[in-house]
Each structure stands twice: as structure tokens, then as C-alpha cells.
Amino acid sequence: MSNYILDKAYTVAQSGGVPAFRVVVQGTNAGECVLPSAQNGDQILGVTVHAQDQNRNVAVRKAGVARVEAAGPVAVGLPVNVAGNTGKIKSIANETQGVKVKVLGFAETASLADGDVIEVFIALHERTAP
């Protein structure tokens, strides 16, 4: 069973709302969240705990273990980052050499395919792709 450490409420600024188990990033204003605009998204706030409509508050997991939807296969223990503008995650293994990678954390369980929900230990940091 997972141990959850810190959830914080953010106002959803994303048109159409946000799904559950997706990475969200800083919105235009303080206290707002939106889905990332691209792969390897910056200004990561955490992972949505539930789905929510625009202009409502959503709980965002900022520390601990989060359930996150994967965009494809991810092996246990691998570092993961934002896969694209949907807020799903992927392994950082295919990032271009020398690119600064914004890592969400490390896979605690494995994903076999797009749409699998896995557990990720949140450990926000940046590293350069080898």
C-alpha cells in the first residue's frame, strides 16, 4: 500500500479541466495549475489525485507516492518525466543527449502500455540526458 505525504489544492485553469493521475504544471497565476504544454514539461507542481473541471480546486500530490498514467511501457526503478501535453509520463531513456530533463520521480511499479496507471515516487529534479 502507498504512503501519501503531501497534497495541495490548486485551481484548475485548464480549459476543459484536468483528468485524474496526470502531471500538472504552474498556471499563469499563483495557485493555478494546467496540463503541460509539451514533452519534458517545466514548472511541475505534481500529480492530480482526481479529475476536476476548470475553475474548481483539484488535489495535487506534491510529495510521496502518486498514481500516474503512463504513455507507454515503463520499467520499475526508472526515472520518469512528462510525455506530452496530456500530462502522462514516460521513461527518460529516449531523451536527446545533452538535453536538460525535468524528472518527476522514479517508477515504483511497471507500465506495460499506454493508459496503465503506475505508482511513482515523487523526486523532482533536473538532470542532463546522457
Protein backbone atom coordinates (compact mmCIF):
# COMPACT_ATOMS: atom_id res chain seq x y z
CA MET A 1 0.00 0.00 0.00
CA SER A 2 1.19 3.51 -0.80
CA ASN A 3 2.18 6.15 1.73
CA TYR A 4 0.99 9.61 0.81
CA ILE A 5 2.80 12.62 2.21
CA LEU A 6 1.58 15.95 0.81
CA ASP A 7 -1.38 17.02 -1.29
CA LYS A 8 -2.14 20.67 -2.04
CA ALA A 9 -5.18 22.26 -3.69
CA TYR A 10 -4.75 24.24 -6.91
CA THR A 11 -7.36 25.97 -9.08
CA VAL A 12 -7.70 24.32 -12.48
CA ALA A 13 -7.01 26.92 -15.18
CA GLN A 14 -7.05 24.31 -17.97
CA SER A 15 -9.90 24.72 -20.46
CA GLY A 16 -11.96 21.53 -20.19
CA GLY A 17 -10.47 20.61 -16.78
CA VAL A 18 -7.86 18.00 -15.88
CA PRO A 19 -8.04 14.20 -15.66
CA ALA A 20 -7.01 12.16 -12.63
CA PHE A 21 -3.45 10.82 -12.30
CA ARG A 22 -1.83 13.39 -14.62
CA VAL A 23 1.15 15.70 -14.17
CA VAL A 24 0.20 19.37 -13.88
CA VAL A 25 2.40 22.45 -14.12
CA GLN A 26 2.22 26.02 -12.88
CA GLY A 27 -0.56 28.08 -14.47
CA THR A 28 -0.33 31.76 -15.37
CA ASN A 29 -1.19 32.89 -11.83
CA ALA A 30 -0.09 31.66 -8.42
CA GLY A 31 -2.32 28.85 -7.16
CA GLU A 32 -3.33 27.73 -10.66
CA CYS A 33 -2.47 24.51 -12.48
CA VAL A 34 -2.68 23.37 -16.11
CA LEU A 35 -1.56 20.38 -18.13
CA PRO A 36 1.99 20.65 -19.55
CA SER A 37 2.31 22.26 -22.98
CA ALA A 38 4.86 19.74 -24.28
CA GLN A 39 7.08 16.75 -23.56
CA ASN A 40 9.64 17.24 -20.76
CA GLY A 41 7.44 19.98 -19.29
CA ASP A 42 8.88 22.53 -16.88
CA GLN A 43 7.45 24.03 -13.65
CA ILE A 44 5.99 20.71 -12.46
CA LEU A 45 3.66 21.09 -9.49
CA GLY A 46 2.82 17.40 -9.01
CA VAL A 47 0.15 14.87 -9.98
CA THR A 48 -3.65 15.21 -9.86
CA VAL A 49 -5.30 12.91 -7.33
CA HIS A 50 -8.71 13.16 -9.03
CA ALA A 51 -10.30 14.68 -12.13
CA GLN A 52 -11.63 18.24 -11.90
CA ASP A 53 -13.40 20.86 -14.01
CA GLN A 54 -11.97 24.25 -14.96
CA ASN A 55 -12.12 26.94 -12.23
CA ARG A 56 -12.51 24.34 -9.45
CA ASN A 57 -9.89 23.10 -6.99
CA VAL A 58 -8.03 19.85 -7.56
CA ALA A 59 -5.82 17.98 -5.08
CA VAL A 60 -2.25 17.72 -6.40
CA ARG A 61 0.22 15.21 -4.92
CA LYS A 62 3.45 17.16 -4.37
CA ALA A 63 5.46 14.67 -2.34
CA GLY A 64 5.37 10.96 -1.59
CA VAL A 65 3.97 8.28 -3.89
CA ALA A 66 1.48 9.20 -6.62
CA ARG A 67 -0.60 7.19 -9.04
CA VAL A 68 0.26 8.45 -12.54
CA GLU A 69 -0.96 7.44 -16.01
CA ALA A 70 1.83 6.26 -18.30
CA ALA A 71 2.08 6.95 -22.05
CA GLY A 72 3.79 3.61 -22.70
CA PRO A 73 5.99 0.96 -21.13
CA VAL A 74 7.98 2.00 -18.03
CA ALA A 75 10.14 -0.41 -16.00
CA VAL A 76 10.32 -0.36 -12.20
CA GLY A 77 13.02 1.97 -10.88
CA LEU A 78 13.39 4.13 -13.98
CA PRO A 79 13.21 7.92 -13.77
CA VAL A 80 10.13 9.38 -15.49
CA ASN A 81 9.14 12.75 -16.93
CA VAL A 82 6.29 14.39 -18.83
CA ALA A 83 5.43 12.54 -22.05
CA GLY A 84 3.50 15.38 -23.72
CA ASN A 85 0.62 17.81 -23.37
CA THR A 86 -1.70 15.18 -21.83
CA GLY A 87 0.22 15.06 -18.54
CA LYS A 88 1.04 11.36 -18.90
CA ILE A 89 4.56 10.18 -18.05
CA LYS A 90 7.30 8.21 -19.80
CA SER A 91 10.77 6.87 -19.11
CA ILE A 92 13.51 9.46 -19.69
CA ALA A 93 15.56 6.86 -21.62
CA ASN A 94 14.75 8.35 -25.05
CA GLU A 95 15.59 11.99 -24.33
CA THR A 96 18.14 13.59 -26.66
CA GLN A 97 21.71 13.51 -25.38
CA GLY A 98 22.67 16.72 -23.59
CA VAL A 99 19.07 17.91 -23.07
CA LYS A 100 18.12 19.08 -19.57
CA VAL A 101 15.47 16.63 -18.34
CA LYS A 102 12.85 17.64 -15.76
CA VAL A 103 12.32 14.42 -13.79
CA LEU A 104 9.07 13.81 -11.88
CA GLY A 105 10.44 10.83 -9.95
CA PHE A 106 11.01 7.08 -10.10
CA ALA A 107 8.63 4.27 -11.10
CA GLU A 108 7.64 2.10 -8.14
CA THR A 109 5.50 -0.19 -10.33
CA ALA A 110 5.71 -1.05 -14.04
CA SER A 111 3.64 0.03 -17.01
CA LEU A 112 3.18 -2.28 -19.98
CA ALA A 113 1.21 0.05 -22.26
CA ASP A 114 -0.28 3.50 -22.80
CA GLY A 115 -3.02 4.14 -20.24
CA ASP A 116 -1.59 1.98 -17.43
CA VAL A 117 -1.67 3.72 -14.05
CA ILE A 118 1.52 3.15 -12.06
CA GLU A 119 2.94 4.36 -8.77
CA VAL A 120 5.75 6.93 -8.89
CA PHE A 121 7.90 8.11 -6.00
CA ILE A 122 7.97 11.88 -6.49
CA ALA A 123 11.53 13.20 -6.51
CA LEU A 124 11.50 16.38 -8.59
CA HIS A 125 14.91 17.19 -10.04
CA GLU A 126 16.74 18.05 -13.27
CA ARG A 127 19.48 16.09 -14.98
CA THR A 128 21.23 16.11 -18.32
CA ALA A 129 20.39 13.22 -20.64
CA PRO A 130 23.46 11.02 -21.22
